[in-house]
Amino acid sequence: MSYPHYDLVQRAHQELIAEGLIGPRTNQDAVEQDKGLLTRRAAYYAFTMRDPTHGLLAKTSGNNSLGYSVDWILSNRDGTGWDIATDDGVNALPLNGGPEAPDAARIPDWRPPTAELAGLREPEPEPEPTPDDDVAERLAELEAAVDHQSQILAEQTAAIERLRTQGYHGECKLGLTMHFGMFPAEAAMAGASVQEAAALPLPEIVGLATLENALERAAQARDKGRLVILVVG
């Protein structure tokens, strides 16, 4: 019985010649290294494409290439081995050798072939998908809008807490005063600053300690038709 995946041995041989990794050599040691590379690539193809029990035979003494047999593919199922490489004294050549008798004593020396040992580059990892540019731009805009709204909410919450515990100090807008204490024409001035409101006829400047007192005085001023500027402190 010949090696069941001999077509992969032939493929590996043809590739290595085309890549210039094996070829005519002037000394036997170089030929043995070429055989070792042929064996490692053929074993890698068998291992990854056909049968994951097929691998390399570790061999750290005697004739070896990178610590592996130069011509054997080994099965870790039962220790069966196949001789798949030979030479003519100048070139490494594929060999469709029959199996050696199974020997469980060989199994501990079985090693998995790798792309690096086979003289191949490891597959490049798939790039992570990136969001579409328009989607990424829109997402950035939404994040900025959320941040802006969060900032406004934080400022409003702080202002409400100040009003609750301390009252309002400093320049205020009429939009924050009690509009129900104004006539319609005066209410149209809502949003004017304290300085602008002071120029209106008959303003009443009210200085009070608490917001509750301000509400009471504003109601009284409404009945008088006065424009009220509340300074609550």
C-alpha atoms as a PDB file:
ATOM      1  CA  MET A   1       0.000   0.000   0.000  1.00  0.00           C
ATOM      2  CA  SER A   2       1.466   3.381  -1.023  1.00  0.00           C
ATOM      3  CA  TYR A   3       1.088   6.665   0.842  1.00  0.00           C
ATOM      4  CA  PRO A   4      -2.644   7.568   0.666  1.00  0.00           C
ATOM      5  CA  HIS A   5      -1.974  11.270   0.139  1.00  0.00           C
ATOM      6  CA  TYR A   6       0.861  11.042  -2.334  1.00  0.00           C
ATOM      7  CA  ASP A   7      -0.751  13.752  -4.491  1.00  0.00           C
ATOM      8  CA  LEU A   8       0.014  16.211  -1.690  1.00  0.00           C
ATOM      9  CA  VAL A   9       3.651  15.105  -1.679  1.00  0.00           C
ATOM     10  CA  GLN A  10       3.839  15.828  -5.402  1.00  0.00           C
ATOM     11  CA  ARG A  11       2.153  19.185  -4.918  1.00  0.00           C
ATOM     12  CA  ALA A  12       4.627  20.131  -2.179  1.00  0.00           C
ATOM     13  CA  HIS A  13       7.566  19.107  -4.395  1.00  0.00           C
ATOM     14  CA  GLN A  14       6.362  21.171  -7.360  1.00  0.00           C
ATOM     15  CA  GLU A  15       5.720  24.214  -5.188  1.00  0.00           C
ATOM     16  CA  LEU A  16       9.127  24.106  -3.534  1.00  0.00           C
ATOM     17  CA  ILE A  17      10.881  23.908  -6.891  1.00  0.00           C
ATOM     18  CA  ALA A  18       8.814  26.814  -8.246  1.00  0.00           C
ATOM     19  CA  GLU A  19       9.608  28.852  -5.127  1.00  0.00           C
ATOM     20  CA  GLY A  20      13.320  28.122  -5.497  1.00  0.00           C
ATOM     21  CA  LEU A  21      13.490  26.564  -2.024  1.00  0.00           C
ATOM     22  CA  ILE A  22      14.812  23.218  -3.283  1.00  0.00           C
ATOM     23  CA  GLY A  23      16.859  22.372  -6.344  1.00  0.00           C
ATOM     24  CA  PRO A  24      20.123  20.891  -7.546  1.00  0.00           C
ATOM     25  CA  ARG A  25      22.706  20.725  -4.732  1.00  0.00           C
ATOM     26  CA  THR A  26      26.408  20.129  -4.770  1.00  0.00           C
ATOM     27  CA  ASN A  27      26.602  18.255  -1.450  1.00  0.00           C
ATOM     28  CA  GLN A  28      24.561  15.532   0.186  1.00  0.00           C
ATOM     29  CA  ASP A  29      23.864  17.471   3.378  1.00  0.00           C
ATOM     30  CA  ALA A  30      22.061  20.168   1.390  1.00  0.00           C
ATOM     31  CA  VAL A  31      20.083  17.466  -0.428  1.00  0.00           C
ATOM     32  CA  GLU A  32      19.011  15.995   2.928  1.00  0.00           C
ATOM     33  CA  GLN A  33      17.823  19.409   4.096  1.00  0.00           C
ATOM     34  CA  ASP A  34      15.762  19.735   0.901  1.00  0.00           C
ATOM     35  CA  LYS A  35      14.207  16.344   1.593  1.00  0.00           C
ATOM     36  CA  GLY A  36      13.384  17.475   5.105  1.00  0.00           C
ATOM     37  CA  LEU A  37      11.607  20.575   3.799  1.00  0.00           C
ATOM     38  CA  LEU A  38       9.698  18.478   1.261  1.00  0.00           C
ATOM     39  CA  THR A  39       8.620  16.100   4.027  1.00  0.00           C
ATOM     40  CA  ARG A  40       7.512  18.896   6.337  1.00  0.00           C
ATOM     41  CA  ARG A  41       5.409  20.618   3.696  1.00  0.00           C
ATOM     42  CA  ALA A  42       3.809  17.369   2.518  1.00  0.00           C
ATOM     43  CA  ALA A  43       3.038  16.455   6.135  1.00  0.00           C
ATOM     44  CA  TYR A  44       1.536  19.886   6.746  1.00  0.00           C
ATOM     45  CA  TYR A  45      -0.785  19.519   3.764  1.00  0.00           C
ATOM     46  CA  ALA A  46      -1.834  16.019   4.849  1.00  0.00           C
ATOM     47  CA  PHE A  47      -2.360  17.183   8.426  1.00  0.00           C
ATOM     48  CA  THR A  48      -4.454  20.242   7.544  1.00  0.00           C
ATOM     49  CA  MET A  49      -6.311  18.994   4.474  1.00  0.00           C
ATOM     50  CA  ARG A  50      -6.833  15.244   4.832  1.00  0.00           C
ATOM     51  CA  ASP A  51      -5.937  13.500   8.083  1.00  0.00           C
ATOM     52  CA  PRO A  52      -4.967  15.244  11.339  1.00  0.00           C
ATOM     53  CA  THR A  53      -3.278  12.071  12.591  1.00  0.00           C
ATOM     54  CA  HIS A  54      -0.524  12.483   9.987  1.00  0.00           C
ATOM     55  CA  GLY A  55       2.458  14.439  11.213  1.00  0.00           C
ATOM     56  CA  LEU A  56       6.207  14.521  11.629  1.00  0.00           C
ATOM     57  CA  LEU A  57       8.620  12.162  13.346  1.00  0.00           C
ATOM     58  CA  ALA A  58      10.859  13.939  15.841  1.00  0.00           C
ATOM     59  CA  LYS A  59      14.481  12.942  15.372  1.00  0.00           C
ATOM     60  CA  THR A  60      17.197  14.827  17.213  1.00  0.00           C
ATOM     61  CA  SER A  61      20.128  12.564  16.377  1.00  0.00           C
ATOM     62  CA  GLY A  62      21.495  11.124  13.153  1.00  0.00           C
ATOM     63  CA  ASN A  63      20.195  12.302   9.811  1.00  0.00           C
ATOM     64  CA  ASN A  64      17.567  14.978  10.530  1.00  0.00           C
ATOM     65  CA  SER A  65      16.378  18.395   9.434  1.00  0.00           C
ATOM     66  CA  LEU A  66      15.416  20.905  12.124  1.00  0.00           C
ATOM     67  CA  GLY A  67      15.034  18.012  14.541  1.00  0.00           C
ATOM     68  CA  TYR A  68      12.683  15.950  12.361  1.00  0.00           C
ATOM     69  CA  SER A  69      13.031  12.969  10.055  1.00  0.00           C
ATOM     70  CA  VAL A  70      13.966  14.026   6.519  1.00  0.00           C
ATOM     71  CA  ASP A  71      11.667  11.525   4.819  1.00  0.00           C
ATOM     72  CA  TRP A  72       9.024  10.143   7.157  1.00  0.00           C
ATOM     73  CA  ILE A  73       5.359  10.992   7.740  1.00  0.00           C
ATOM     74  CA  LEU A  74       4.037   9.358  10.907  1.00  0.00           C
ATOM     75  CA  SER A  75       0.491   8.573  12.038  1.00  0.00           C
ATOM     76  CA  ASN A  76      -0.189   9.005  15.737  1.00  0.00           C
ATOM     77  CA  ARG A  77      -3.128   6.601  15.496  1.00  0.00           C
ATOM     78  CA  ASP A  78      -1.023   3.444  15.572  1.00  0.00           C
ATOM     79  CA  GLY A  79       2.558   4.479  14.805  1.00  0.00           C
ATOM     80  CA  THR A  80       2.409   3.672  11.083  1.00  0.00           C
ATOM     81  CA  GLY A  81       4.993   5.558   9.008  1.00  0.00           C
ATOM     82  CA  TRP A  82       5.513   6.268   5.316  1.00  0.00           C
ATOM     83  CA  ASP A  83       8.752   7.056   3.531  1.00  0.00           C
ATOM     84  CA  ILE A  84       7.785   9.896   1.171  1.00  0.00           C
ATOM     85  CA  ALA A  85      11.095  11.459   0.075  1.00  0.00           C
ATOM     86  CA  THR A  86      14.249  10.267  -1.677  1.00  0.00           C
ATOM     87  CA  ASP A  87      17.007  11.793  -3.839  1.00  0.00           C
ATOM     88  CA  ASP A  88      19.238  11.159  -6.808  1.00  0.00           C
ATOM     89  CA  GLY A  89      22.332  12.573  -5.152  1.00  0.00           C
ATOM     90  CA  VAL A  90      21.591  16.089  -6.408  1.00  0.00           C
ATOM     91  CA  ASN A  91      17.853  16.697  -6.057  1.00  0.00           C
ATOM     92  CA  ALA A  92      15.233  15.888  -3.422  1.00  0.00           C
ATOM     93  CA  LEU A  93      12.457  13.812  -4.991  1.00  0.00           C
ATOM     94  CA  PRO A  94       8.984  12.630  -3.912  1.00  0.00           C
ATOM     95  CA  LEU A  95       8.567   8.937  -3.085  1.00  0.00           C
ATOM     96  CA  ASN A  96       5.354   6.929  -2.908  1.00  0.00           C
ATOM     97  CA  GLY A  97       6.667   4.474  -0.343  1.00  0.00           C
ATOM     98  CA  GLY A  98       4.628   1.795   1.340  1.00  0.00           C
ATOM     99  CA  PRO A  99       3.824   1.950   5.028  1.00  0.00           C
ATOM    100  CA  GLU A 100       6.113   0.631   7.720  1.00  0.00           C
ATOM    101  CA  ALA A 101       4.483  -1.743  10.181  1.00  0.00           C
ATOM    102  CA  PRO A 102       2.604   0.007  12.985  1.00  0.00           C
ATOM    103  CA  ASP A 103       4.703   0.602  16.079  1.00  0.00           C
ATOM    104  CA  ALA A 104       3.121   2.267  19.111  1.00  0.00           C
ATOM    105  CA  ALA A 105       6.611   3.054  20.436  1.00  0.00           C
ATOM    106  CA  ARG A 106       6.913   5.754  17.750  1.00  0.00           C
ATOM    107  CA  ILE A 107       3.780   7.632  18.807  1.00  0.00           C
ATOM    108  CA  PRO A 108       5.468   9.701  21.578  1.00  0.00           C
ATOM    109  CA  ASP A 109       7.771  11.106  18.870  1.00  0.00           C
ATOM    110  CA  TRP A 110       4.868  12.312  16.717  1.00  0.00           C
ATOM    111  CA  ARG A 111       4.790  16.066  16.192  1.00  0.00           C
ATOM    112  CA  PRO A 112       2.184  18.281  14.469  1.00  0.00           C
ATOM    113  CA  PRO A 113       3.522  20.048  11.365  1.00  0.00           C
ATOM    114  CA  THR A 114       3.161  23.819  11.160  1.00  0.00           C
ATOM    115  CA  ALA A 115       3.086  26.332   8.337  1.00  0.00           C
ATOM    116  CA  GLU A 116       6.396  27.750   9.543  1.00  0.00           C
ATOM    117  CA  LEU A 117       8.089  24.340   9.449  1.00  0.00           C
ATOM    118  CA  ALA A 118       6.614  23.816   5.982  1.00  0.00           C
ATOM    119  CA  GLY A 119       8.214  27.026   4.722  1.00  0.00           C
ATOM    120  CA  LEU A 120       4.825  28.733   4.488  1.00  0.00           C
ATOM    121  CA  ARG A 121       3.602  31.955   6.021  1.00  0.00           C
ATOM    122  CA  GLU A 122       0.910  31.671   8.666  1.00  0.00           C
ATOM    123  CA  PRO A 123      -2.453  32.912   7.354  1.00  0.00           C
ATOM    124  CA  GLU A 124      -2.988  36.587   8.008  1.00  0.00           C
ATOM    125  CA  PRO A 125      -5.764  37.200  10.565  1.00  0.00           C
ATOM    126  CA  GLU A 126      -8.960  38.600   9.120  1.00  0.00           C
ATOM    127  CA  PRO A 127      -9.115  42.361   9.682  1.00  0.00           C
ATOM    128  CA  GLU A 128     -11.759  43.469  12.118  1.00  0.00           C
ATOM    129  CA  PRO A 129     -14.717  45.070  10.373  1.00  0.00           C
ATOM    130  CA  THR A 130     -14.726  48.847  10.575  1.00  0.00           C
ATOM    131  CA  PRO A 131     -17.904  50.909  10.685  1.00  0.00           C
ATOM    132  CA  ASP A 132     -18.938  52.680   7.525  1.00  0.00           C
ATOM    133  CA  ASP A 133     -17.509  56.210   7.488  1.00  0.00           C
ATOM    134  CA  ASP A 134     -20.966  57.799   7.445  1.00  0.00           C
ATOM    135  CA  VAL A 135     -22.124  55.619  10.325  1.00  0.00           C
ATOM    136  CA  ALA A 136     -18.993  56.415  12.330  1.00  0.00           C
ATOM    137  CA  GLU A 137     -19.438  60.133  11.712  1.00  0.00           C
ATOM    138  CA  ARG A 138     -23.100  60.007  12.731  1.00  0.00           C
ATOM    139  CA  LEU A 139     -22.211  58.030  15.850  1.00  0.00           C
ATOM    140  CA  ALA A 140     -19.637  60.656  16.808  1.00  0.00           C
ATOM    141  CA  GLU A 141     -22.250  63.399  16.350  1.00  0.00           C
ATOM    142  CA  LEU A 142     -24.736  61.538  18.546  1.00  0.00           C
ATOM    143  CA  GLU A 143     -22.116  61.005  21.238  1.00  0.00           C
ATOM    144  CA  ALA A 144     -21.260  64.720  21.177  1.00  0.00           C
ATOM    145  CA  ALA A 145     -24.962  65.614  21.443  1.00  0.00           C
ATOM    146  CA  VAL A 146     -25.425  63.281  24.396  1.00  0.00           C
ATOM    147  CA  ASP A 147     -22.383  64.793  26.126  1.00  0.00           C
ATOM    148  CA  HIS A 148     -23.753  68.291  25.527  1.00  0.00           C
ATOM    149  CA  GLN A 149     -27.180  67.421  26.908  1.00  0.00           C
ATOM    150  CA  SER A 150     -25.575  65.730  29.913  1.00  0.00           C
ATOM    151  CA  GLN A 151     -23.613  68.903  30.619  1.00  0.00           C
ATOM    152  CA  ILE A 152     -26.767  71.051  30.372  1.00  0.00           C
ATOM    153  CA  LEU A 153     -28.631  68.672  32.694  1.00  0.00           C
ATOM    154  CA  ALA A 154     -25.804  68.801  35.224  1.00  0.00           C
ATOM    155  CA  GLU A 155     -25.787  72.615  35.151  1.00  0.00           C
ATOM    156  CA  GLN A 156     -29.564  72.799  35.530  1.00  0.00           C
ATOM    157  CA  THR A 157     -29.502  70.326  38.398  1.00  0.00           C
ATOM    158  CA  ALA A 158     -26.810  72.362  40.161  1.00  0.00           C
ATOM    159  CA  ALA A 159     -28.796  75.601  39.618  1.00  0.00           C
ATOM    160  CA  ILE A 160     -31.972  74.062  41.037  1.00  0.00           C
ATOM    161  CA  GLU A 161     -30.076  72.820  44.053  1.00  0.00           C
ATOM    162  CA  ARG A 162     -28.630  76.300  44.637  1.00  0.00           C
ATOM    163  CA  LEU A 163     -32.106  77.816  44.459  1.00  0.00           C
ATOM    164  CA  ARG A 164     -33.422  75.205  46.866  1.00  0.00           C
ATOM    165  CA  THR A 165     -30.704  75.631  49.462  1.00  0.00           C
ATOM    166  CA  GLN A 166     -29.235  79.117  48.948  1.00  0.00           C
ATOM    167  CA  GLY A 167     -31.498  81.235  46.787  1.00  0.00           C
ATOM    168  CA  TYR A 168     -30.400  83.061  43.623  1.00  0.00           C
ATOM    169  CA  HIS A 169     -27.490  85.480  43.706  1.00  0.00           C
ATOM    170  CA  GLY A 170     -26.074  87.867  41.151  1.00  0.00           C
ATOM    171  CA  GLU A 171     -27.453  88.989  37.805  1.00  0.00           C
ATOM    172  CA  CYS A 172     -30.680  87.249  36.865  1.00  0.00           C
ATOM    173  CA  LYS A 173     -32.873  87.199  33.775  1.00  0.00           C
ATOM    174  CA  LEU A 174     -36.489  88.227  33.990  1.00  0.00           C
ATOM    175  CA  GLY A 175     -37.268  84.824  32.585  1.00  0.00           C
ATOM    176  CA  LEU A 176     -36.383  83.482  36.049  1.00  0.00           C
ATOM    177  CA  THR A 177     -38.656  85.942  37.881  1.00  0.00           C
ATOM    178  CA  MET A 178     -42.347  85.614  38.551  1.00  0.00           C
ATOM    179  CA  HIS A 179     -43.897  86.530  35.191  1.00  0.00           C
ATOM    180  CA  PHE A 180     -47.410  86.359  36.610  1.00  0.00           C
ATOM    181  CA  GLY A 181     -46.618  89.639  38.399  1.00  0.00           C
ATOM    182  CA  MET A 182     -46.283  91.580  35.121  1.00  0.00           C
ATOM    183  CA  PHE A 183     -48.674  93.086  32.694  1.00  0.00           C
ATOM    184  CA  PRO A 184     -48.548  91.511  29.179  1.00  0.00           C
ATOM    185  CA  ALA A 185     -46.493  94.390  27.775  1.00  0.00           C
ATOM    186  CA  GLU A 186     -44.048  94.033  30.629  1.00  0.00           C
ATOM    187  CA  ALA A 187     -43.940  90.252  30.279  1.00  0.00           C
ATOM    188  CA  ALA A 188     -42.680  90.786  26.742  1.00  0.00           C
ATOM    189  CA  MET A 189     -39.514  92.036  28.348  1.00  0.00           C
ATOM    190  CA  ALA A 190     -38.838  88.584  29.811  1.00  0.00           C
ATOM    191  CA  GLY A 191     -35.249  87.728  29.071  1.00  0.00           C
ATOM    192  CA  ALA A 192     -33.946  91.276  29.584  1.00  0.00           C
ATOM    193  CA  SER A 193     -31.124  91.632  32.054  1.00  0.00           C
ATOM    194  CA  VAL A 194     -31.521  93.246  35.442  1.00  0.00           C
ATOM    195  CA  GLN A 195     -29.772  96.355  34.151  1.00  0.00           C
ATOM    196  CA  GLU A 196     -32.182  96.599  31.179  1.00  0.00           C
ATOM    197  CA  ALA A 197     -35.206  96.076  33.376  1.00  0.00           C
ATOM    198  CA  ALA A 198     -34.079  98.829  35.742  1.00  0.00           C
ATOM    199  CA  ALA A 199     -34.620 101.370  32.956  1.00  0.00           C
ATOM    200  CA  LEU A 200     -38.338 100.552  32.735  1.00  0.00           C
ATOM    201  CA  PRO A 201     -40.812 102.962  34.348  1.00  0.00           C
ATOM    202  CA  LEU A 202     -41.712 102.373  37.960  1.00  0.00           C
ATOM    203  CA  PRO A 203     -39.668  99.255  38.572  1.00  0.00           C
ATOM    204  CA  GLU A 204     -39.856  97.749  41.988  1.00  0.00           C
ATOM    205  CA  ILE A 205     -36.588  96.189  43.155  1.00  0.00           C
ATOM    206  CA  VAL A 206     -37.363  93.536  45.706  1.00  0.00           C
ATOM    207  CA  GLY A 207     -34.660  92.143  47.924  1.00  0.00           C
ATOM    208  CA  LEU A 208     -35.872  89.139  49.891  1.00  0.00           C
ATOM    209  CA  ALA A 209     -34.282  86.394  51.922  1.00  0.00           C
ATOM    210  CA  THR A 210     -36.153  83.411  50.544  1.00  0.00           C
ATOM    211  CA  LEU A 211     -37.926  82.311  47.396  1.00  0.00           C
ATOM    212  CA  GLU A 212     -41.163  81.805  49.381  1.00  0.00           C
ATOM    213  CA  ASN A 213     -41.179  85.449  50.468  1.00  0.00           C
ATOM    214  CA  ALA A 214     -40.412  86.470  46.883  1.00  0.00           C
ATOM    215  CA  LEU A 215     -43.539  84.702  45.667  1.00  0.00           C
ATOM    216  CA  GLU A 216     -45.705  86.527  48.176  1.00  0.00           C
ATOM    217  CA  ARG A 217     -44.255  89.964  47.326  1.00  0.00           C
ATOM    218  CA  ALA A 218     -44.506  89.254  43.587  1.00  0.00           C
ATOM    219  CA  ALA A 219     -48.218  88.523  43.974  1.00  0.00           C
ATOM    220  CA  GLN A 220     -48.693  91.826  45.796  1.00  0.00           C
ATOM    221  CA  ALA A 221     -46.756  93.712  43.102  1.00  0.00           C
ATOM    222  CA  ARG A 222     -48.926  92.143  40.398  1.00  0.00           C
ATOM    223  CA  ASP A 223     -51.990  93.711  41.940  1.00  0.00           C
ATOM    224  CA  LYS A 224     -50.254  97.098  41.790  1.00  0.00           C
ATOM    225  CA  GLY A 225     -49.261  96.638  38.134  1.00  0.00           C
ATOM    226  CA  ARG A 226     -45.585  96.904  38.987  1.00  0.00           C
ATOM    227  CA  LEU A 227     -42.691  95.367  37.084  1.00  0.00           C
ATOM    228  CA  VAL A 228     -40.845  93.198  39.577  1.00  0.00           C
ATOM    229  CA  ILE A 229     -37.166  92.300  39.628  1.00  0.00           C
ATOM    230  CA  LEU A 230     -36.560  89.604  42.218  1.00  0.00           C
ATOM    231  CA  VAL A 231     -33.162  89.357  43.839  1.00  0.00           C
ATOM    232  CA  VAL A 232     -33.366  86.363  46.116  1.00  0.00           C
ATOM    233  CA  GLY A 233     -30.427  85.855  48.463  1.00  0.00           C
END
